[in-house]
Protein backbone atom coordinates (compact mmCIF):
# COMPACT_ATOMS: atom_id res chain seq x y z
CA MET A 1 14.51 5.24 -15.65
CA GLU A 2 17.61 7.40 -16.13
CA ILE A 3 17.67 10.82 -14.44
CA ASN A 4 18.07 12.68 -17.74
CA GLN A 5 15.13 10.82 -19.26
CA GLU A 6 13.06 11.59 -16.17
CA LYS A 7 13.87 15.31 -16.38
CA GLN A 8 12.92 15.36 -20.06
CA LEU A 9 9.60 13.67 -19.33
CA ILE A 10 8.87 16.10 -16.50
CA GLN A 11 9.59 19.12 -18.66
CA ALA A 12 7.53 17.72 -21.52
CA SER A 13 4.68 17.04 -19.09
CA LEU A 14 4.84 20.62 -17.84
CA ASP A 15 4.69 21.74 -21.47
CA GLY A 16 1.44 19.83 -21.91
CA ASP A 17 2.63 16.51 -23.36
CA THR A 18 0.11 14.00 -21.98
CA ASP A 19 2.07 11.00 -23.31
CA SER A 20 5.09 11.99 -21.21
CA LEU A 21 2.87 12.47 -18.16
CA ALA A 22 1.35 9.03 -18.74
CA VAL A 23 4.85 7.51 -18.74
CA LEU A 24 5.68 9.22 -15.43
CA LEU A 25 2.47 7.99 -13.83
CA ALA A 26 3.06 4.46 -15.12
CA GLU A 27 6.44 4.46 -13.35
CA VAL A 28 4.90 5.08 -9.94
CA LYS A 29 1.30 3.83 -9.97
CA ASN A 30 2.02 0.25 -8.86
CA SER A 31 4.26 1.40 -6.01
CA VAL A 32 1.60 3.85 -4.86
CA PHE A 33 -1.07 1.14 -5.10
CA ASN A 34 0.91 -1.38 -3.05
CA LEU A 35 1.72 1.20 -0.38
CA SER A 36 -1.96 2.21 -0.25
CA LEU A 37 -3.07 -1.43 -0.09
CA ARG A 38 -0.87 -2.15 2.96
CA MET A 39 -1.82 1.12 4.66
CA LEU A 40 -5.58 0.88 4.09
CA GLY A 41 -6.12 -2.87 4.26
CA ASN A 42 -8.40 -3.46 1.26
CA VAL A 43 -8.29 -3.25 -2.52
CA PHE A 44 -11.21 -0.84 -3.01
CA ASP A 45 -9.80 1.86 -0.71
CA ALA A 46 -6.31 1.33 -2.14
CA GLU A 47 -7.49 1.96 -5.70
CA ASP A 48 -9.36 5.07 -4.55
CA ALA A 49 -6.29 6.36 -2.70
CA THR A 50 -4.06 5.65 -5.70
CA GLN A 51 -6.21 7.89 -7.86
CA GLU A 52 -6.24 10.64 -5.23
CA ILE A 53 -2.47 10.52 -4.80
CA LEU A 54 -1.73 10.54 -8.52
CA LEU A 55 -4.18 13.41 -8.93
CA LYS A 56 -2.23 15.37 -6.32
CA ALA A 57 1.00 14.58 -8.18
CA VAL A 58 -0.43 15.74 -11.52
CA THR A 59 -1.93 18.97 -10.19
CA ASN A 60 1.19 19.82 -8.20
CA LEU A 61 3.81 18.83 -10.77
CA SER A 62 4.75 22.45 -11.40
CA SER A 63 5.88 22.71 -7.75
CA PHE A 64 8.28 19.75 -8.06
CA ASN A 65 11.76 21.28 -7.79
CA GLN A 66 13.52 18.09 -9.03
CA GLN A 67 15.95 18.05 -6.10
CA SER A 68 14.93 14.43 -5.60
CA ARG A 69 13.78 11.67 -7.93
CA PHE A 70 10.21 11.86 -9.19
CA ASN A 71 9.19 8.61 -7.48
CA THR A 72 10.58 9.89 -4.15
CA TRP A 73 8.50 13.05 -4.50
CA VAL A 74 5.38 10.98 -5.24
CA TYR A 75 6.14 8.72 -2.26
CA ARG A 76 6.24 11.83 -0.06
CA ILE A 77 2.81 12.84 -1.34
CA ALA A 78 1.51 9.30 -0.77
CA VAL A 79 2.91 9.00 2.75
CA ASN A 80 1.45 12.35 3.80
CA TYR A 81 -1.91 11.46 2.27
CA LEU A 82 -2.12 8.00 3.81
CA ILE A 83 -0.97 9.03 7.29
CA ASN A 84 -2.83 12.31 7.62
CA ASP A 85 -6.14 11.52 5.96
CA HIS A 86 -7.68 10.25 9.23
CA LYS A 87 -11.29 10.87 8.21
CA LYS A 88 -11.40 8.06 5.65
CA ARG A 89 -9.81 5.58 8.03
CA ALA A 90 -11.38 6.62 11.33
CA PHE A 91 -13.12 3.28 11.83
CA ARG A 92 -9.89 1.35 11.34
CA GLU A 93 -8.05 3.24 14.06
CA GLN A 94 -10.12 1.34 16.65
CA LEU A 95 -8.50 -1.98 15.77
CA THR A 96 -5.85 -3.22 18.22
CA PHE A 97 -3.77 -6.38 18.61
CA ASP A 98 -5.84 -7.30 21.69
CA LEU A 99 -9.10 -7.08 19.75
CA MET A 100 -7.69 -9.00 16.80
CA GLY A 101 -6.26 -11.64 19.14
CA LYS A 102 -9.68 -12.18 20.72
CA ASP A 103 -11.22 -12.43 17.29
CA LEU A 104 -8.71 -15.08 16.21
CA GLU A 105 -9.51 -17.07 19.35
CA GLN A 106 -13.19 -17.36 18.37
CA PRO A 107 -14.14 -21.02 17.77
CA ALA A 108 -14.61 -21.84 14.11
CA PRO A 109 -18.22 -22.74 13.19
CA THR A 110 -19.20 -25.66 11.02
CA LEU A 111 -20.08 -24.88 7.43
CA ASP A 112 -22.53 -26.79 5.27
CA GLN A 113 -20.75 -25.75 2.10
CA GLN A 114 -17.92 -28.07 1.11
CA PHE A 115 -14.85 -27.11 -0.88
CA CYS A 116 -12.47 -29.23 -2.89
CA GLU A 117 -8.80 -29.14 -1.91
CA LEU A 118 -7.94 -26.67 -4.67
CA GLU A 119 -10.75 -24.28 -3.69
CA GLU A 120 -9.87 -24.56 -0.02
CA THR A 121 -6.21 -23.77 -0.71
CA GLU A 122 -7.19 -20.71 -2.76
CA LEU A 123 -9.60 -19.50 -0.06
CA ALA A 124 -6.96 -20.00 2.61
CA GLU A 125 -4.46 -17.95 0.59
CA GLU A 126 -7.02 -15.17 0.10
CA LEU A 127 -7.76 -15.19 3.83
CA LYS A 128 -4.05 -15.03 4.69
CA LEU A 129 -3.50 -12.03 2.43
CA SER A 130 -6.56 -10.27 3.81
CA CYS A 131 -5.65 -11.07 7.41
CA THR A 132 -2.07 -9.81 7.11
CA ASN A 133 -3.29 -6.52 5.66
CA ILE A 134 -5.94 -6.14 8.37
CA MET A 135 -3.30 -6.98 10.98
CA LEU A 136 -1.35 -3.92 9.88
CA GLN A 137 -4.34 -1.78 10.86
CA CYS A 138 -3.57 -2.59 14.51
CA LEU A 139 -0.63 -0.21 14.21
CA SER A 140 -0.98 3.56 14.29
CA PRO A 141 -0.82 5.18 10.81
CA GLN A 142 2.77 6.33 11.30
CA ASP A 143 3.96 3.02 12.80
CA ARG A 144 2.18 1.19 10.00
CA CYS A 145 4.02 3.26 7.41
CA VAL A 146 7.36 2.71 9.16
CA PHE A 147 6.80 -1.04 9.15
CA ILE A 148 5.62 -1.16 5.52
CA LEU A 149 8.48 0.94 4.15
CA GLY A 150 11.08 -1.06 6.05
CA THR A 151 9.62 -4.54 5.69
CA MET A 152 7.83 -4.78 2.36
CA PHE A 153 9.50 -1.96 0.46
CA LYS A 154 12.96 -2.48 1.99
CA MET A 155 13.55 1.24 1.94
CA ASN A 156 16.78 2.43 3.53
CA SER A 157 16.55 4.41 6.75
CA GLN A 158 17.82 7.66 5.20
CA LEU A 159 15.09 7.80 2.57
CA ALA A 160 12.32 6.39 4.77
CA GLY A 161 13.23 8.77 7.60
CA ASP A 162 13.13 11.68 5.19
CA LEU A 163 9.66 10.68 3.94
CA LEU A 164 8.39 10.37 7.50
CA GLN A 165 10.20 13.53 8.69
CA MET A 166 12.35 11.80 11.27
CA SER A 167 16.05 11.05 11.58
CA PRO A 168 17.39 7.74 10.21
CA ALA A 169 18.29 6.68 13.77
CA THR A 170 14.77 7.38 15.02
CA TYR A 171 13.32 5.49 12.07
CA ARG A 172 15.51 2.45 12.74
CA LYS A 173 14.54 2.41 16.43
CA LYS A 174 10.87 2.68 15.60
CA LEU A 175 11.12 -0.08 13.01
CA SER A 176 12.89 -2.35 15.48
CA ARG A 177 10.24 -1.83 18.16
CA ILE A 178 7.39 -2.34 15.71
CA ARG A 179 8.97 -5.54 14.38
CA ILE A 180 9.09 -6.90 17.90
CA ARG A 181 5.42 -6.07 18.50
CA MET A 182 4.34 -7.58 15.22
CA GLY A 183 6.64 -10.58 15.62
CA ASN A 184 5.27 -11.34 19.12
CA PHE A 185 1.71 -11.25 17.84
CA LEU A 186 2.49 -13.46 14.85
CA ASN A 187 4.36 -15.91 17.05
CA VAL A 188 1.26 -16.40 19.21
CA TYR A 189 -1.54 -16.35 16.63
CA CYS A 190 -0.31 -16.83 13.04
CA GLY A 191 0.17 -20.43 11.95
CA VAL A 192 2.49 -19.31 9.13
CA ALA A 193 4.87 -17.95 11.79
CA GLY A 194 4.37 -20.81 14.24
CA GLY A 195 1.25 -19.53 16.01
CA SER A 196 -2.05 -21.23 16.78
CA CYS A 197 -4.33 -19.95 13.99
CA GLU A 198 -4.63 -21.84 10.69
CA CYS A 199 -6.08 -20.16 7.62
CA LYS A 200 -7.92 -23.25 6.38
CA LYS A 201 -9.65 -23.71 9.73
CA ARG A 202 -10.68 -20.04 9.73
CA ILE A 203 -12.45 -20.21 6.36
CA PRO A 204 -15.94 -21.05 7.79
CA PHE A 205 -15.71 -18.24 10.36
CA ALA A 206 -14.52 -15.74 7.75
CA ILE A 207 -17.37 -16.67 5.39
CA GLN A 208 -19.92 -16.49 8.21
CA GLN A 209 -18.66 -13.03 9.20
CA LYS A 210 -18.74 -11.96 5.52
CA ARG A 211 -15.01 -11.27 5.56
CA LEU A 212 -14.45 -13.80 2.80
CA ASN A 213 -16.63 -14.16 -0.26
CA PRO A 214 -15.82 -17.38 -2.18
CA SER A 215 -17.35 -15.90 -5.34
CA GLN A 216 -15.29 -12.69 -5.17
CA LEU A 217 -11.64 -13.06 -4.19
CA ASP A 218 -10.10 -9.59 -4.30
CA TYR A 219 -6.45 -10.59 -4.05
CA SER A 220 -6.68 -13.55 -6.39
CA SER A 221 -8.17 -11.27 -9.04
CA LEU A 222 -5.21 -8.88 -8.94
CA LYS A 223 -2.36 -9.31 -11.40
CA LYS A 224 0.86 -10.14 -9.60
CA LEU A 225 3.77 -7.81 -10.15
CA ASP A 226 7.32 -8.99 -10.72
CA LEU A 227 9.02 -8.08 -7.47
CA ALA A 228 12.11 -6.93 -9.38
CA GLU A 229 10.09 -4.13 -10.99
CA ILE A 230 9.00 -2.53 -7.76
CA MET A 231 12.33 -3.16 -6.04
CA GLN A 232 14.08 -1.03 -8.65
CA GLN A 233 12.71 1.94 -6.73
CA LYS A 234 13.86 0.75 -3.33
CA SER A 235 17.15 0.34 -1.49
CA ASN A 236 18.13 -2.85 0.28
CA MET A 237 17.69 -3.03 4.03
CA GLU A 238 18.99 -5.38 6.70
CA PHE A 239 17.58 -8.89 6.84
CA LEU A 240 14.45 -9.12 8.95
CA ASP A 241 13.91 -11.30 11.99
CA GLU A 242 12.27 -14.64 11.37
CA GLN A 243 8.76 -13.77 12.59
CA THR A 244 8.24 -10.86 10.21
CA LEU A 245 9.35 -12.72 7.09
CA LEU A 246 5.65 -13.34 6.49
CA PHE A 247 5.29 -9.69 5.52
CA GLU A 248 8.54 -9.55 3.58
CA THR A 249 7.30 -12.23 1.19
CA LEU A 250 3.86 -10.74 0.51
CA THR A 251 3.07 -10.47 -3.18
CA HIS A 252 3.22 -7.11 -4.93
CA TYR A 253 0.39 -6.36 -7.33
CA GLN A 254 -0.36 -4.36 -10.43
CA SER A 255 -2.91 -1.61 -9.96
CA ALA A 256 -6.04 -1.96 -12.08
CA PHE A 257 -6.15 1.84 -12.25
CA ASP A 258 -6.07 3.04 -15.89
CA HIS A 259 -3.83 6.09 -15.63
CA GLN A 260 -4.18 7.01 -19.31
CA LYS A 261 -7.98 7.11 -19.08
CA PHE A 262 -7.71 9.00 -15.81
CA LEU A 263 -5.38 11.53 -17.40
CA LYS A 264 -7.64 12.15 -20.40
CA GLU A 265 -10.71 12.62 -18.18
CA LEU A 266 -8.76 14.88 -15.83
CA LEU A 267 -7.56 17.18 -18.59
CA LYS A 268 -11.12 17.49 -19.95
CA SER A 269 -12.69 18.11 -16.53
CA LYS A 270 -14.22 21.39 -15.45
CA GLN A 271 -12.27 21.28 -12.17
CA PHE A 272 -8.91 21.05 -13.91
CA SER A 273 -9.83 23.84 -16.31
CA GLU A 274 -10.82 26.07 -13.38
CA LEU A 275 -7.61 25.18 -11.55
CA ILE A 276 -5.44 26.17 -14.52
CA THR A 277 -7.42 29.39 -14.96
CA GLU A 278 -6.99 30.31 -11.30
CA GLU A 279 -3.23 29.66 -11.47
CA ALA A 280 -2.96 31.83 -14.60
CA ILE A 281 -4.81 34.70 -12.85
CA TYR A 282 -2.61 34.28 -9.79
CA ASP A 283 0.55 34.46 -11.92
CA LEU A 284 -0.64 37.72 -13.42
C-alpha cells in the first residue's frame, strides 16, 4: 500500500469510515496472526490475541502520529502485547529445552490404530508444525520475539530493534546467540535438521498424550498464505545458518478472524460507545 493511500485511509477511518478501517485491518491481520501463532504456540490463543491486538489498534488509532507506517505501529502494539501479557502464558513459561529434550527421548508406544501412508504423512506434518511452535516456547518471551522477527519475518535489525526497544547491535547479538541455542537443540533432537527424533515415529506418542488429534488438525485446516504477501511488510535479513532453516521455511497462514464482522460488532458495542463518550467528556 502506498503511503499516501495509507494516510487517506487512516484519516477516513478517524472520520468514521468503517470501510477504510476494514481495509487497514485487512492489511495487517495476517501478519499479526502469524506473529501471535509463533509467540503463543497454538491456533486458538493466536486467534484470540489477534482480536485483542486489532482491538487495541482500533481504539487507539487517534493516538497514531503517523511518523511510521501503520503496519509498524500495529507491530509495536502486537510485540508489547505478546511479550508483556504474562498472565495468559504463565504456564508456558515453565517449558525449557531440557524438559522438551527429555520429552522427545520418551520411547514411542505402540498404537492399535493404523494409518495409510497419506494419513501418516499428513499427521507427521501436523506434528512437525505443532512441535516447532511449542519449541519456541522454550525461549523467554523477548528471546522468542527476537528469533521470530529475525528468522520467520526476516525483519531488519533497525526495525526489529526499535520494536523491541533495543539497539540494532544488541538485537543482532541476541539473535545470533538464540540461533545457536535453537540450532544446537535442533541438531540433537529434530530429524528435519539431522537430529534423532522423527515425526512419523512420534505420532503414536503424540496421540496418546492428546497432543495430536487425527480428527482435528489445526494447522492443516488453516489456509496457507502466499509468502510474498506477508514479506511485502518485511525487510530482507542475512541468510540463516543451516540448522535454523527449519523455522525460516515454516508456512505463513491466513487468519480465520473476520475483521469486518468484528468491526461491526465493536462499533455497536456498549463498551465502545462508553469509550467514545468518555473521550468526548475528557476533550471538553
